[in-house]
Amino acid sequence: MRKRKAAVAAPVITYKDSHNSELIQASTQKARKAIALELLKGGMQATAMALNVMIGANDARRWMTEVRRRTNDYIVRTYPLRDRRVVYRLEKIRQNHNLFSGQEDARHE
Protein backbone atom coordinates (compact mmCIF):
# COMPACT_ATOMS: atom_id res chain seq x y z
CA MET A 1 0.00 0.00 0.00
CA ARG A 2 1.44 3.37 -1.07
CA LYS A 3 1.34 6.39 1.18
CA ARG A 4 -0.25 9.48 -0.25
CA LYS A 5 1.50 12.82 -0.06
CA ALA A 6 -0.22 15.58 1.86
CA ALA A 7 -2.20 17.95 -0.31
CA VAL A 8 -0.53 21.29 -0.97
CA ALA A 9 -2.72 24.32 -0.44
CA ALA A 10 -3.17 26.14 -3.74
CA PRO A 11 -5.45 28.93 -4.84
CA VAL A 12 -8.79 27.80 -6.19
CA ILE A 13 -8.11 29.41 -9.56
CA THR A 14 -5.10 28.17 -11.51
CA TYR A 15 -2.51 30.93 -11.52
CA LYS A 16 -0.93 31.92 -14.82
CA ASP A 17 2.13 34.14 -15.12
CA SER A 18 0.78 35.55 -18.37
CA HIS A 19 -1.50 37.81 -16.28
CA ASN A 20 1.57 39.84 -15.23
CA SER A 21 3.87 39.39 -18.20
CA GLU A 22 4.62 42.99 -19.10
CA LEU A 23 7.28 45.37 -17.87
CA ILE A 24 5.88 48.21 -15.79
CA GLN A 25 6.39 51.43 -17.72
CA ALA A 26 8.56 53.56 -15.43
CA SER A 27 11.96 55.12 -15.98
CA THR A 28 13.82 53.45 -13.08
CA GLN A 29 13.75 50.10 -11.36
CA LYS A 30 13.03 51.81 -8.03
CA ALA A 31 9.91 53.40 -9.54
CA ARG A 32 8.81 50.04 -11.01
CA LYS A 33 9.21 48.40 -7.59
CA ALA A 34 7.12 51.15 -5.97
CA ILE A 35 4.37 50.64 -8.57
CA ALA A 36 4.52 46.84 -8.13
CA LEU A 37 4.24 47.27 -4.35
CA GLU A 38 1.14 49.43 -4.76
CA LEU A 39 -0.35 46.82 -7.11
CA LEU A 40 0.32 44.10 -4.53
CA LYS A 41 -1.28 46.22 -1.81
CA GLY A 42 -4.27 46.64 -4.11
CA GLY A 43 -4.84 42.88 -4.26
CA MET A 44 -2.62 41.69 -7.10
CA GLN A 45 -1.11 38.23 -6.78
CA ALA A 46 2.13 37.34 -8.55
CA THR A 47 4.86 34.74 -8.68
CA ALA A 48 8.54 35.65 -8.46
CA MET A 49 8.88 35.08 -12.20
CA ALA A 50 6.03 37.50 -12.93
CA LEU A 51 7.48 40.08 -10.55
CA ASN A 52 10.86 39.76 -12.30
CA VAL A 53 9.19 40.53 -15.62
CA MET A 54 7.21 43.43 -14.19
CA ILE A 55 10.17 44.99 -12.40
CA GLY A 56 12.75 44.19 -15.05
CA ALA A 57 15.10 42.44 -12.65
CA ASN A 58 16.07 38.99 -11.44
CA ASP A 59 15.75 39.44 -7.68
CA ALA A 60 12.02 39.33 -6.92
CA ARG A 61 12.37 36.79 -4.10
CA ARG A 62 14.97 38.99 -2.40
CA TRP A 63 12.74 42.02 -2.96
CA MET A 64 9.79 40.22 -1.33
CA THR A 65 12.04 39.57 1.69
CA GLU A 66 12.68 43.32 1.88
CA VAL A 67 8.95 43.97 1.59
CA ARG A 68 8.36 41.59 4.52
CA ARG A 69 10.83 43.54 6.66
CA ARG A 70 9.81 47.07 5.69
CA THR A 71 6.02 46.90 5.39
CA ASN A 72 4.35 47.26 8.77
CA ASP A 73 0.68 47.41 7.73
CA TYR A 74 0.73 44.32 5.50
CA ILE A 75 1.71 40.67 5.79
CA VAL A 76 3.24 38.87 2.81
CA ARG A 77 1.27 35.69 2.24
CA THR A 78 2.67 32.90 0.08
CA TYR A 79 0.72 30.12 -1.55
CA PRO A 80 2.59 27.19 -3.10
CA LEU A 81 1.49 25.90 -6.47
CA ARG A 82 1.73 22.30 -7.62
CA ASP A 83 4.68 23.06 -9.89
CA ARG A 84 6.74 24.37 -6.92
CA ARG A 85 6.23 28.05 -7.73
CA VAL A 86 4.95 30.36 -5.04
CA VAL A 87 2.27 33.04 -5.39
CA TYR A 88 2.87 36.18 -3.34
CA ARG A 89 0.17 38.55 -2.15
CA LEU A 90 -0.10 41.20 0.55
CA GLU A 91 -2.76 41.04 3.21
CA LYS A 92 -3.70 44.09 5.30
CA ILE A 93 -3.17 43.64 9.03
CA ARG A 94 -6.35 44.29 10.96
CA GLN A 95 -5.83 46.31 14.10
CA ASN A 96 -7.57 44.77 17.08
CA HIS A 97 -8.99 47.57 19.15
CA ASN A 98 -10.12 46.65 22.58
CA LEU A 99 -11.80 48.55 25.37
CA PHE A 100 -8.52 49.88 26.78
CA SER A 101 -6.59 50.64 23.58
CA GLY A 102 -7.26 54.38 23.79
CA GLN A 103 -6.21 54.58 27.44
CA GLU A 104 -2.62 53.38 27.14
CA ASP A 105 -1.13 56.70 28.21
CA ALA A 106 -3.85 57.63 30.69
CA ARG A 107 -3.09 57.47 34.38
CA HIS A 108 -5.20 55.00 36.28
CA GLU A 109 -5.87 55.13 39.97
C-alpha atoms as a PDB file:
ATOM      1  CA  MET A   1       0.000   0.000   0.000  1.00  0.00           C
ATOM      2  CA  ARG A   2       1.437   3.370  -1.075  1.00  0.00           C
ATOM      3  CA  LYS A   3       1.344   6.388   1.176  1.00  0.00           C
ATOM      4  CA  ARG A   4      -0.252   9.480  -0.251  1.00  0.00           C
ATOM      5  CA  LYS A   5       1.501  12.816  -0.062  1.00  0.00           C
ATOM      6  CA  ALA A   6      -0.221  15.577   1.861  1.00  0.00           C
ATOM      7  CA  ALA A   7      -2.201  17.953  -0.314  1.00  0.00           C
ATOM      8  CA  VAL A   8      -0.527  21.289  -0.968  1.00  0.00           C
ATOM      9  CA  ALA A   9      -2.723  24.324  -0.436  1.00  0.00           C
ATOM     10  CA  ALA A  10      -3.166  26.139  -3.737  1.00  0.00           C
ATOM     11  CA  PRO A  11      -5.446  28.932  -4.838  1.00  0.00           C
ATOM     12  CA  VAL A  12      -8.786  27.795  -6.193  1.00  0.00           C
ATOM     13  CA  ILE A  13      -8.107  29.412  -9.560  1.00  0.00           C
ATOM     14  CA  THR A  14      -5.098  28.167 -11.506  1.00  0.00           C
ATOM     15  CA  TYR A  15      -2.512  30.925 -11.520  1.00  0.00           C
ATOM     16  CA  LYS A  16      -0.930  31.918 -14.822  1.00  0.00           C
ATOM     17  CA  ASP A  17       2.134  34.138 -15.119  1.00  0.00           C
ATOM     18  CA  SER A  18       0.781  35.551 -18.369  1.00  0.00           C
ATOM     19  CA  HIS A  19      -1.497  37.813 -16.280  1.00  0.00           C
ATOM     20  CA  ASN A  20       1.572  39.841 -15.233  1.00  0.00           C
ATOM     21  CA  SER A  21       3.874  39.387 -18.197  1.00  0.00           C
ATOM     22  CA  GLU A  22       4.623  42.992 -19.104  1.00  0.00           C
ATOM     23  CA  LEU A  23       7.283  45.365 -17.867  1.00  0.00           C
ATOM     24  CA  ILE A  24       5.876  48.211 -15.793  1.00  0.00           C
ATOM     25  CA  GLN A  25       6.388  51.430 -17.721  1.00  0.00           C
ATOM     26  CA  ALA A  26       8.562  53.561 -15.429  1.00  0.00           C
ATOM     27  CA  SER A  27      11.959  55.116 -15.975  1.00  0.00           C
ATOM     28  CA  THR A  28      13.817  53.452 -13.084  1.00  0.00           C
ATOM     29  CA  GLN A  29      13.752  50.101 -11.365  1.00  0.00           C
ATOM     30  CA  LYS A  30      13.032  51.815  -8.031  1.00  0.00           C
ATOM     31  CA  ALA A  31       9.910  53.399  -9.539  1.00  0.00           C
ATOM     32  CA  ARG A  32       8.811  50.037 -11.010  1.00  0.00           C
ATOM     33  CA  LYS A  33       9.211  48.398  -7.587  1.00  0.00           C
ATOM     34  CA  ALA A  34       7.122  51.152  -5.974  1.00  0.00           C
ATOM     35  CA  ILE A  35       4.371  50.635  -8.571  1.00  0.00           C
ATOM     36  CA  ALA A  36       4.518  46.842  -8.128  1.00  0.00           C
ATOM     37  CA  LEU A  37       4.242  47.270  -4.351  1.00  0.00           C
ATOM     38  CA  GLU A  38       1.137  49.434  -4.757  1.00  0.00           C
ATOM     39  CA  LEU A  39      -0.348  46.825  -7.108  1.00  0.00           C
ATOM     40  CA  LEU A  40       0.324  44.096  -4.527  1.00  0.00           C
ATOM     41  CA  LYS A  41      -1.277  46.221  -1.813  1.00  0.00           C
ATOM     42  CA  GLY A  42      -4.271  46.638  -4.112  1.00  0.00           C
ATOM     43  CA  GLY A  43      -4.836  42.884  -4.256  1.00  0.00           C
ATOM     44  CA  MET A  44      -2.622  41.694  -7.104  1.00  0.00           C
ATOM     45  CA  GLN A  45      -1.110  38.234  -6.783  1.00  0.00           C
ATOM     46  CA  ALA A  46       2.134  37.341  -8.546  1.00  0.00           C
ATOM     47  CA  THR A  47       4.861  34.736  -8.680  1.00  0.00           C
ATOM     48  CA  ALA A  48       8.541  35.651  -8.455  1.00  0.00           C
ATOM     49  CA  MET A  49       8.877  35.084 -12.202  1.00  0.00           C
ATOM     50  CA  ALA A  50       6.026  37.500 -12.934  1.00  0.00           C
ATOM     51  CA  LEU A  51       7.480  40.079 -10.551  1.00  0.00           C
ATOM     52  CA  ASN A  52      10.856  39.758 -12.296  1.00  0.00           C
ATOM     53  CA  VAL A  53       9.189  40.531 -15.621  1.00  0.00           C
ATOM     54  CA  MET A  54       7.206  43.430 -14.187  1.00  0.00           C
ATOM     55  CA  ILE A  55      10.168  44.991 -12.397  1.00  0.00           C
ATOM     56  CA  GLY A  56      12.748  44.187 -15.054  1.00  0.00           C
ATOM     57  CA  ALA A  57      15.097  42.438 -12.646  1.00  0.00           C
ATOM     58  CA  ASN A  58      16.068  38.992 -11.442  1.00  0.00           C
ATOM     59  CA  ASP A  59      15.747  39.437  -7.681  1.00  0.00           C
ATOM     60  CA  ALA A  60      12.018  39.326  -6.921  1.00  0.00           C
ATOM     61  CA  ARG A  61      12.369  36.790  -4.102  1.00  0.00           C
ATOM     62  CA  ARG A  62      14.971  38.989  -2.401  1.00  0.00           C
ATOM     63  CA  TRP A  63      12.741  42.022  -2.959  1.00  0.00           C
ATOM     64  CA  MET A  64       9.793  40.224  -1.335  1.00  0.00           C
ATOM     65  CA  THR A  65      12.036  39.567   1.694  1.00  0.00           C
ATOM     66  CA  GLU A  66      12.682  43.321   1.882  1.00  0.00           C
ATOM     67  CA  VAL A  67       8.945  43.970   1.588  1.00  0.00           C
ATOM     68  CA  ARG A  68       8.356  41.587   4.518  1.00  0.00           C
ATOM     69  CA  ARG A  69      10.833  43.539   6.656  1.00  0.00           C
ATOM     70  CA  ARG A  70       9.813  47.071   5.688  1.00  0.00           C
ATOM     71  CA  THR A  71       6.024  46.896   5.390  1.00  0.00           C
ATOM     72  CA  ASN A  72       4.348  47.259   8.767  1.00  0.00           C
ATOM     73  CA  ASP A  73       0.683  47.412   7.733  1.00  0.00           C
ATOM     74  CA  TYR A  74       0.725  44.316   5.496  1.00  0.00           C
ATOM     75  CA  ILE A  75       1.711  40.665   5.789  1.00  0.00           C
ATOM     76  CA  VAL A  76       3.240  38.875   2.808  1.00  0.00           C
ATOM     77  CA  ARG A  77       1.265  35.685   2.236  1.00  0.00           C
ATOM     78  CA  THR A  78       2.670  32.905   0.085  1.00  0.00           C
ATOM     79  CA  TYR A  79       0.725  30.118  -1.552  1.00  0.00           C
ATOM     80  CA  PRO A  80       2.587  27.190  -3.098  1.00  0.00           C
ATOM     81  CA  LEU A  81       1.489  25.896  -6.468  1.00  0.00           C
ATOM     82  CA  ARG A  82       1.734  22.299  -7.620  1.00  0.00           C
ATOM     83  CA  ASP A  83       4.683  23.061  -9.891  1.00  0.00           C
ATOM     84  CA  ARG A  84       6.745  24.369  -6.918  1.00  0.00           C
ATOM     85  CA  ARG A  85       6.230  28.046  -7.731  1.00  0.00           C
ATOM     86  CA  VAL A  86       4.950  30.365  -5.038  1.00  0.00           C
ATOM     87  CA  VAL A  87       2.270  33.038  -5.394  1.00  0.00           C
ATOM     88  CA  TYR A  88       2.871  36.181  -3.338  1.00  0.00           C
ATOM     89  CA  ARG A  89       0.174  38.549  -2.147  1.00  0.00           C
ATOM     90  CA  LEU A  90      -0.100  41.195   0.547  1.00  0.00           C
ATOM     91  CA  GLU A  91      -2.757  41.044   3.213  1.00  0.00           C
ATOM     92  CA  LYS A  92      -3.701  44.086   5.297  1.00  0.00           C
ATOM     93  CA  ILE A  93      -3.166  43.638   9.032  1.00  0.00           C
ATOM     94  CA  ARG A  94      -6.352  44.294  10.955  1.00  0.00           C
ATOM     95  CA  GLN A  95      -5.832  46.315  14.096  1.00  0.00           C
ATOM     96  CA  ASN A  96      -7.573  44.768  17.083  1.00  0.00           C
ATOM     97  CA  HIS A  97      -8.995  47.568  19.148  1.00  0.00           C
ATOM     98  CA  ASN A  98     -10.119  46.645  22.580  1.00  0.00           C
ATOM     99  CA  LEU A  99     -11.796  48.552  25.369  1.00  0.00           C
ATOM    100  CA  PHE A 100      -8.518  49.882  26.784  1.00  0.00           C
ATOM    101  CA  SER A 101      -6.590  50.636  23.578  1.00  0.00           C
ATOM    102  CA  GLY A 102      -7.257  54.384  23.794  1.00  0.00           C
ATOM    103  CA  GLN A 103      -6.211  54.577  27.436  1.00  0.00           C
ATOM    104  CA  GLU A 104      -2.620  53.383  27.140  1.00  0.00           C
ATOM    105  CA  ASP A 105      -1.128  56.700  28.212  1.00  0.00           C
ATOM    106  CA  ALA A 106      -3.854  57.625  30.687  1.00  0.00           C
ATOM    107  CA  ARG A 107      -3.086  57.466  34.384  1.00  0.00           C
ATOM    108  CA  HIS A 108      -5.195  54.996  36.275  1.00  0.00           C
ATOM    109  CA  GLU A 109      -5.866  55.129  39.971  1.00  0.00           C
END
